Amino acid sequence: SNEIITILYKRGAFNKYSVALASDFF
């Protein structure tokens, strides 16, 4: 989930913290 969210969304304001939150849900 972490790698998938990183590839799809980790850019701009969507930082490492945002990835962690989103990947937990995903």
PDB file of all heavy atoms in Angstrom:
ATOM      1  N   SER A   1       0.832  -1.216   0.000  1.00  0.00           N
ATOM      2  CA  SER A   1       0.000   0.000   0.000  1.00  0.00           C
ATOM      3  C   SER A   1       0.864   1.264   0.000  1.00  0.00           C
ATOM      4  O   SER A   1       0.563   2.233  -0.692  1.00  0.00           O
ATOM      5  CB  SER A   1      -0.944   0.004   1.207  1.00  0.00           C
ATOM      6  OG  SER A   1      -0.220  -0.060   2.420  1.00  0.00           O
ATOM      7  N   ASN A   2       1.957   1.241   0.753  1.00  0.00           N
ATOM      8  CA  ASN A   2       2.838   2.416   0.831  1.00  0.00           C
ATOM      9  C   ASN A   2       3.479   2.715  -0.516  1.00  0.00           C
ATOM     10  O   ASN A   2       3.518   3.876  -0.955  1.00  0.00           O
ATOM     11  CB  ASN A   2       3.908   2.185   1.897  1.00  0.00           C
ATOM     12  CG  ASN A   2       4.647   3.466   2.248  1.00  0.00           C
ATOM     13  OD1 ASN A   2       5.593   3.845   1.570  1.00  0.00           O
ATOM     14  ND2 ASN A   2       4.219   4.134   3.303  1.00  0.00           N
ATOM     15  N   GLU A   3       3.972   1.661  -1.185  1.00  0.00           N
ATOM     16  CA  GLU A   3       4.625   1.835  -2.480  1.00  0.00           C
ATOM     17  C   GLU A   3       3.620   2.304  -3.541  1.00  0.00           C
ATOM     18  O   GLU A   3       3.937   3.156  -4.373  1.00  0.00           O
ATOM     19  CB  GLU A   3       5.271   0.528  -2.932  1.00  0.00           C
ATOM     20  CG  GLU A   3       6.537   0.148  -2.184  1.00  0.00           C
ATOM     21  CD  GLU A   3       6.273  -0.530  -0.849  1.00  0.00           C
ATOM     22  OE1 GLU A   3       5.086  -0.661  -0.474  1.00  0.00           O
ATOM     23  OE2 GLU A   3       7.225  -0.913  -0.176  1.00  0.00           O
ATOM     24  N   ILE A   4       2.412   1.740  -3.510  1.00  0.00           N
ATOM     25  CA  ILE A   4       1.386   2.094  -4.499  1.00  0.00           C
ATOM     26  C   ILE A   4       0.968   3.557  -4.343  1.00  0.00           C
ATOM     27  O   ILE A   4       0.872   4.307  -5.327  1.00  0.00           O
ATOM     28  CB  ILE A   4       0.165   1.156  -4.372  1.00  0.00           C
ATOM     29  CG1 ILE A   4       0.551  -0.259  -4.805  1.00  0.00           C
ATOM     30  CG2 ILE A   4      -0.999   1.660  -5.229  1.00  0.00           C
ATOM     31  CD1 ILE A   4      -0.466  -1.318  -4.437  1.00  0.00           C
ATOM     32  N   ILE A   5       0.719   3.974  -3.099  1.00  0.00           N
ATOM     33  CA  ILE A   5       0.338   5.372  -2.848  1.00  0.00           C
ATOM     34  C   ILE A   5       1.481   6.318  -3.201  1.00  0.00           C
ATOM     35  O   ILE A   5       1.258   7.415  -3.729  1.00  0.00           O
ATOM     36  CB  ILE A   5      -0.090   5.564  -1.367  1.00  0.00           C
ATOM     37  CG1 ILE A   5      -1.355   4.748  -1.057  1.00  0.00           C
ATOM     38  CG2 ILE A   5      -0.335   7.036  -1.059  1.00  0.00           C
ATOM     39  CD1 ILE A   5      -2.582   5.154  -1.850  1.00  0.00           C
ATOM     40  N   THR A   6       2.715   5.889  -2.939  1.00  0.00           N
ATOM     41  CA  THR A   6       3.885   6.706  -3.283  1.00  0.00           C
ATOM     42  C   THR A   6       3.948   6.955  -4.785  1.00  0.00           C
ATOM     43  O   THR A   6       4.150   8.086  -5.237  1.00  0.00           O
ATOM     44  CB  THR A   6       5.185   6.015  -2.821  1.00  0.00           C
ATOM     45  OG1 THR A   6       5.166   5.895  -1.390  1.00  0.00           O
ATOM     46  CG2 THR A   6       6.415   6.810  -3.237  1.00  0.00           C
ATOM     47  N   ILE A   7       3.779   5.891  -5.569  1.00  0.00           N
ATOM     48  CA  ILE A   7       3.830   6.009  -7.029  1.00  0.00           C
ATOM     49  C   ILE A   7       2.692   6.888  -7.553  1.00  0.00           C
ATOM     50  O   ILE A   7       2.892   7.738  -8.425  1.00  0.00           O
ATOM     51  CB  ILE A   7       3.767   4.607  -7.687  1.00  0.00           C
ATOM     52  CG1 ILE A   7       5.051   3.833  -7.399  1.00  0.00           C
ATOM     53  CG2 ILE A   7       3.546   4.718  -9.199  1.00  0.00           C
ATOM     54  CD1 ILE A   7       4.991   2.369  -7.779  1.00  0.00           C
ATOM     55  N   LEU A   8       1.495   6.710  -6.994  1.00  0.00           N
ATOM     56  CA  LEU A   8       0.326   7.422  -7.513  1.00  0.00           C
ATOM     57  C   LEU A   8       0.244   8.885  -7.073  1.00  0.00           C
ATOM     58  O   LEU A   8      -0.173   9.747  -7.854  1.00  0.00           O
ATOM     59  CB  LEU A   8      -0.955   6.693  -7.074  1.00  0.00           C
ATOM     60  CG  LEU A   8      -1.202   5.309  -7.682  1.00  0.00           C
ATOM     61  CD1 LEU A   8      -2.440   4.673  -7.071  1.00  0.00           C
ATOM     62  CD2 LEU A   8      -1.350   5.387  -9.197  1.00  0.00           C
ATOM     63  N   TYR A   9       0.643   9.168  -5.831  1.00  0.00           N
ATOM     64  CA  TYR A   9       0.323  10.490  -5.275  1.00  0.00           C
ATOM     65  C   TYR A   9       1.483  11.290  -4.689  1.00  0.00           C
ATOM     66  O   TYR A   9       1.317  12.485  -4.445  1.00  0.00           O
ATOM     67  CB  TYR A   9      -0.746  10.346  -4.179  1.00  0.00           C
ATOM     68  CG  TYR A   9      -2.044   9.791  -4.674  1.00  0.00           C
ATOM     69  CD1 TYR A   9      -2.462   8.516  -4.306  1.00  0.00           C
ATOM     70  CD2 TYR A   9      -2.869  10.538  -5.512  1.00  0.00           C
ATOM     71  CE1 TYR A   9      -3.666   8.001  -4.759  1.00  0.00           C
ATOM     72  CE2 TYR A   9      -4.074  10.031  -5.964  1.00  0.00           C
ATOM     73  CZ  TYR A   9      -4.470   8.761  -5.587  1.00  0.00           C
ATOM     74  OH  TYR A   9      -5.656   8.251  -6.040  1.00  0.00           O
ATOM     75  N   LYS A  10       2.633  10.670  -4.431  1.00  0.00           N
ATOM     76  CA  LYS A  10       3.683  11.407  -3.714  1.00  0.00           C
ATOM     77  C   LYS A  10       4.359  12.448  -4.602  1.00  0.00           C
ATOM     78  O   LYS A  10       5.361  12.175  -5.272  1.00  0.00           O
ATOM     79  CB  LYS A  10       4.729  10.451  -3.145  1.00  0.00           C
ATOM     80  CG  LYS A  10       5.655  11.151  -2.141  1.00  0.00           C
ATOM     81  CD  LYS A  10       6.718  10.228  -1.613  1.00  0.00           C
ATOM     82  CE  LYS A  10       7.631  10.975  -0.656  1.00  0.00           C
ATOM     83  NZ  LYS A  10       8.743  10.139  -0.185  1.00  0.00           N
ATOM     84  N   ARG A  11       3.781  13.618  -4.588  1.00  0.00           N
ATOM     85  CA  ARG A  11       4.348  14.765  -5.318  1.00  0.00           C
ATOM     86  C   ARG A  11       3.710  16.034  -4.777  1.00  0.00           C
ATOM     87  O   ARG A  11       2.588  15.999  -4.266  1.00  0.00           O
ATOM     88  CB  ARG A  11       4.117  14.625  -6.824  1.00  0.00           C
ATOM     89  CG  ARG A  11       2.680  14.463  -7.242  1.00  0.00           C
ATOM     90  CD  ARG A  11       2.565  14.173  -8.736  1.00  0.00           C
ATOM     91  NE  ARG A  11       3.173  12.909  -9.079  1.00  0.00           N
ATOM     92  CZ  ARG A  11       2.525  11.727  -9.021  1.00  0.00           C
ATOM     93  NH1 ARG A  11       1.274  11.679  -8.602  1.00  0.00           N
ATOM     94  NH2 ARG A  11       3.133  10.634  -9.358  1.00  0.00           N
ATOM     95  N   GLY A  12       4.406  17.128  -4.848  1.00  0.00           N
ATOM     96  CA  GLY A  12       3.886  18.404  -4.371  1.00  0.00           C
ATOM     97  C   GLY A  12       3.638  18.393  -2.874  1.00  0.00           C
ATOM     98  O   GLY A  12       4.499  17.997  -2.078  1.00  0.00           O
ATOM     99  N   ALA A  13       2.435  18.830  -2.475  1.00  0.00           N
ATOM    100  CA  ALA A  13       2.081  18.917  -1.053  1.00  0.00           C
ATOM    101  C   ALA A  13       1.801  17.548  -0.435  1.00  0.00           C
ATOM    102  O   ALA A  13       1.720  17.414   0.787  1.00  0.00           O
ATOM    103  CB  ALA A  13       0.856  19.816  -0.884  1.00  0.00           C
ATOM    104  N   PHE A  14       1.651  16.532  -1.293  1.00  0.00           N
ATOM    105  CA  PHE A  14       1.391  15.175  -0.791  1.00  0.00           C
ATOM    106  C   PHE A  14       2.719  14.552  -0.374  1.00  0.00           C
ATOM    107  O   PHE A  14       3.394  13.868  -1.133  1.00  0.00           O
ATOM    108  CB  PHE A  14       0.711  14.331  -1.880  1.00  0.00           C
ATOM    109  CG  PHE A  14      -0.120  13.194  -1.339  1.00  0.00           C
ATOM    110  CD1 PHE A  14      -1.468  13.354  -1.103  1.00  0.00           C
ATOM    111  CD2 PHE A  14       0.463  11.964  -1.069  1.00  0.00           C
ATOM    112  CE1 PHE A  14      -2.232  12.312  -0.610  1.00  0.00           C
ATOM    113  CE2 PHE A  14      -0.285  10.917  -0.582  1.00  0.00           C
ATOM    114  CZ  PHE A  14      -1.637  11.085  -0.350  1.00  0.00           C
ATOM    115  N   ASN A  15       3.104  14.799   0.887  1.00  0.00           N
ATOM    116  CA  ASN A  15       4.420  14.405   1.385  1.00  0.00           C
ATOM    117  C   ASN A  15       4.424  13.002   1.998  1.00  0.00           C
ATOM    118  O   ASN A  15       3.463  12.252   1.884  1.00  0.00           O
ATOM    119  CB  ASN A  15       4.932  15.440   2.398  1.00  0.00           C
ATOM    120  CG  ASN A  15       3.942  15.646   3.542  1.00  0.00           C
ATOM    121  OD1 ASN A  15       3.130  14.778   3.849  1.00  0.00           O
ATOM    122  ND2 ASN A  15       4.014  16.810   4.169  1.00  0.00           N
ATOM    123  N   LYS A  16       5.530  12.693   2.678  1.00  0.00           N
ATOM    124  CA  LYS A  16       5.713  11.369   3.285  1.00  0.00           C
ATOM    125  C   LYS A  16       4.639  11.078   4.338  1.00  0.00           C
ATOM    126  O   LYS A  16       4.155   9.950   4.463  1.00  0.00           O
ATOM    127  CB  LYS A  16       7.110  11.301   3.915  1.00  0.00           C
ATOM    128  CG  LYS A  16       7.578   9.914   4.234  1.00  0.00           C
ATOM    129  CD  LYS A  16       9.036   9.936   4.689  1.00  0.00           C
ATOM    130  CE  LYS A  16       9.510   8.510   4.967  1.00  0.00           C
ATOM    131  NZ  LYS A  16      10.939   8.490   5.385  1.00  0.00           N
ATOM    132  N   TYR A  17       4.261  12.099   5.103  1.00  0.00           N
ATOM    133  CA  TYR A  17       3.221  11.946   6.129  1.00  0.00           C
ATOM    134  C   TYR A  17       1.873  11.629   5.485  1.00  0.00           C
ATOM    135  O   TYR A  17       1.128  10.781   5.965  1.00  0.00           O
ATOM    136  CB  TYR A  17       3.133  13.226   6.963  1.00  0.00           C
ATOM    137  CG  TYR A  17       2.051  13.207   8.017  1.00  0.00           C
ATOM    138  CD1 TYR A  17       2.160  12.404   9.150  1.00  0.00           C
ATOM    139  CD2 TYR A  17       0.905  13.995   7.883  1.00  0.00           C
ATOM    140  CE1 TYR A  17       1.166  12.376  10.113  1.00  0.00           C
ATOM    141  CE2 TYR A  17      -0.094  13.986   8.848  1.00  0.00           C
ATOM    142  CZ  TYR A  17       0.039  13.170   9.954  1.00  0.00           C
ATOM    143  OH  TYR A  17      -0.945  13.151  10.908  1.00  0.00           O
ATOM    144  N   SER A  18       1.567  12.316   4.392  1.00  0.00           N
ATOM    145  CA  SER A  18       0.316  12.077   3.662  1.00  0.00           C
ATOM    146  C   SER A  18       0.277  10.659   3.104  1.00  0.00           C
ATOM    147  O   SER A  18      -0.771  10.002   3.122  1.00  0.00           O
ATOM    148  CB  SER A  18       0.168  13.079   2.515  1.00  0.00           C
ATOM    149  OG  SER A  18       0.223  14.401   2.993  1.00  0.00           O
ATOM    150  N   VAL A  19       1.418  10.196   2.613  1.00  0.00           N
ATOM    151  CA  VAL A  19       1.518   8.834   2.074  1.00  0.00           C
ATOM    152  C   VAL A  19       1.220   7.810   3.164  1.00  0.00           C
ATOM    153  O   VAL A  19       0.488   6.838   2.944  1.00  0.00           O
ATOM    154  CB  VAL A  19       2.927   8.582   1.468  1.00  0.00           C
ATOM    155  CG1 VAL A  19       3.132   7.095   1.176  1.00  0.00           C
ATOM    156  CG2 VAL A  19       3.107   9.382   0.202  1.00  0.00           C
ATOM    157  N   ALA A  20       1.793   8.034   4.356  1.00  0.00           N
ATOM    158  CA  ALA A  20       1.579   7.115   5.479  1.00  0.00           C
ATOM    159  C   ALA A  20       0.102   7.035   5.869  1.00  0.00           C
ATOM    160  O   ALA A  20      -0.432   5.946   6.093  1.00  0.00           O
ATOM    161  CB  ALA A  20       2.425   7.555   6.673  1.00  0.00           C
ATOM    162  N   LEU A  21      -0.568   8.193   5.946  1.00  0.00           N
ATOM    163  CA  LEU A  21      -1.993   8.229   6.293  1.00  0.00           C
ATOM    164  C   LEU A  21      -2.841   7.530   5.230  1.00  0.00           C
ATOM    165  O   LEU A  21      -3.703   6.702   5.545  1.00  0.00           O
ATOM    166  CB  LEU A  21      -2.465   9.673   6.455  1.00  0.00           C
ATOM    167  CG  LEU A  21      -1.963  10.449   7.671  1.00  0.00           C
ATOM    168  CD1 LEU A  21      -2.444  11.896   7.602  1.00  0.00           C
ATOM    169  CD2 LEU A  21      -2.437   9.808   8.966  1.00  0.00           C
ATOM    170  N   ALA A  22      -2.587   7.871   3.967  1.00  0.00           N
ATOM    171  CA  ALA A  22      -3.381   7.312   2.868  1.00  0.00           C
ATOM    172  C   ALA A  22      -3.155   5.810   2.715  1.00  0.00           C
ATOM    173  O   ALA A  22      -4.092   5.059   2.436  1.00  0.00           O
ATOM    174  CB  ALA A  22      -3.040   8.029   1.564  1.00  0.00           C
ATOM    175  N   SER A  23      -1.910   5.382   2.894  1.00  0.00           N
ATOM    176  CA  SER A  23      -1.606   3.955   2.733  1.00  0.00           C
ATOM    177  C   SER A  23      -2.248   3.107   3.827  1.00  0.00           C
ATOM    178  O   SER A  23      -2.625   1.955   3.588  1.00  0.00           O
ATOM    179  CB  SER A  23      -0.089   3.723   2.702  1.00  0.00           C
ATOM    180  OG  SER A  23       0.513   4.115   3.914  1.00  0.00           O
ATOM    181  N   ASP A  24      -2.386   3.665   5.041  1.00  0.00           N
ATOM    182  CA  ASP A  24      -3.091   2.954   6.121  1.00  0.00           C
ATOM    183  C   ASP A  24      -4.533   2.670   5.715  1.00  0.00           C
ATOM    184  O   ASP A  24      -5.029   1.545   5.860  1.00  0.00           O
ATOM    185  CB  ASP A  24      -3.076   3.786   7.407  1.00  0.00           C
ATOM    186  CG  ASP A  24      -1.734   3.759   8.106  1.00  0.00           C
ATOM    187  OD1 ASP A  24      -0.918   2.877   7.777  1.00  0.00           O
ATOM    188  OD2 ASP A  24      -1.493   4.621   8.970  1.00  0.00           O
ATOM    189  N   PHE A  25      -5.204   3.690   5.208  1.00  0.00           N
ATOM    190  CA  PHE A  25      -6.595   3.538   4.755  1.00  0.00           C
ATOM    191  C   PHE A  25      -6.682   2.570   3.580  1.00  0.00           C
ATOM    192  O   PHE A  25      -7.491   1.648   3.566  1.00  0.00           O
ATOM    193  CB  PHE A  25      -7.161   4.906   4.332  1.00  0.00           C
ATOM    194  CG  PHE A  25      -7.964   5.576   5.398  1.00  0.00           C
ATOM    195  CD1 PHE A  25      -7.340   6.231   6.458  1.00  0.00           C
ATOM    196  CD2 PHE A  25      -9.344   5.558   5.367  1.00  0.00           C
ATOM    197  CE1 PHE A  25      -8.074   6.852   7.450  1.00  0.00           C
ATOM    198  CE2 PHE A  25     -10.092   6.182   6.349  1.00  0.00           C
ATOM    199  CZ  PHE A  25      -9.458   6.836   7.395  1.00  0.00           C
ATOM    200  N   PHE A  26      -5.829   2.822   2.579  1.00  0.00           N
ATOM    201  CA  PHE A  26      -5.860   2.036   1.349  1.00  0.00           C
ATOM    202  C   PHE A  26      -5.630   0.549   1.613  1.00  0.00           C
ATOM    203  O   PHE A  26      -6.347  -0.312   1.101  1.00  0.00           O
ATOM    204  CB  PHE A  26      -4.801   2.576   0.384  1.00  0.00           C
ATOM    205  CG  PHE A  26      -4.711   1.814  -0.906  1.00  0.00           C
ATOM    206  CD1 PHE A  26      -5.659   2.002  -1.904  1.00  0.00           C
ATOM    207  CD2 PHE A  26      -3.672   0.924  -1.127  1.00  0.00           C
ATOM    208  CE1 PHE A  26      -5.570   1.306  -3.096  1.00  0.00           C
ATOM    209  CE2 PHE A  26      -3.578   0.224  -2.320  1.00  0.00           C
ATOM    210  CZ  PHE A  26      -4.530   0.416  -3.310  1.00  0.00           C
TER     211      PHE A  26
END
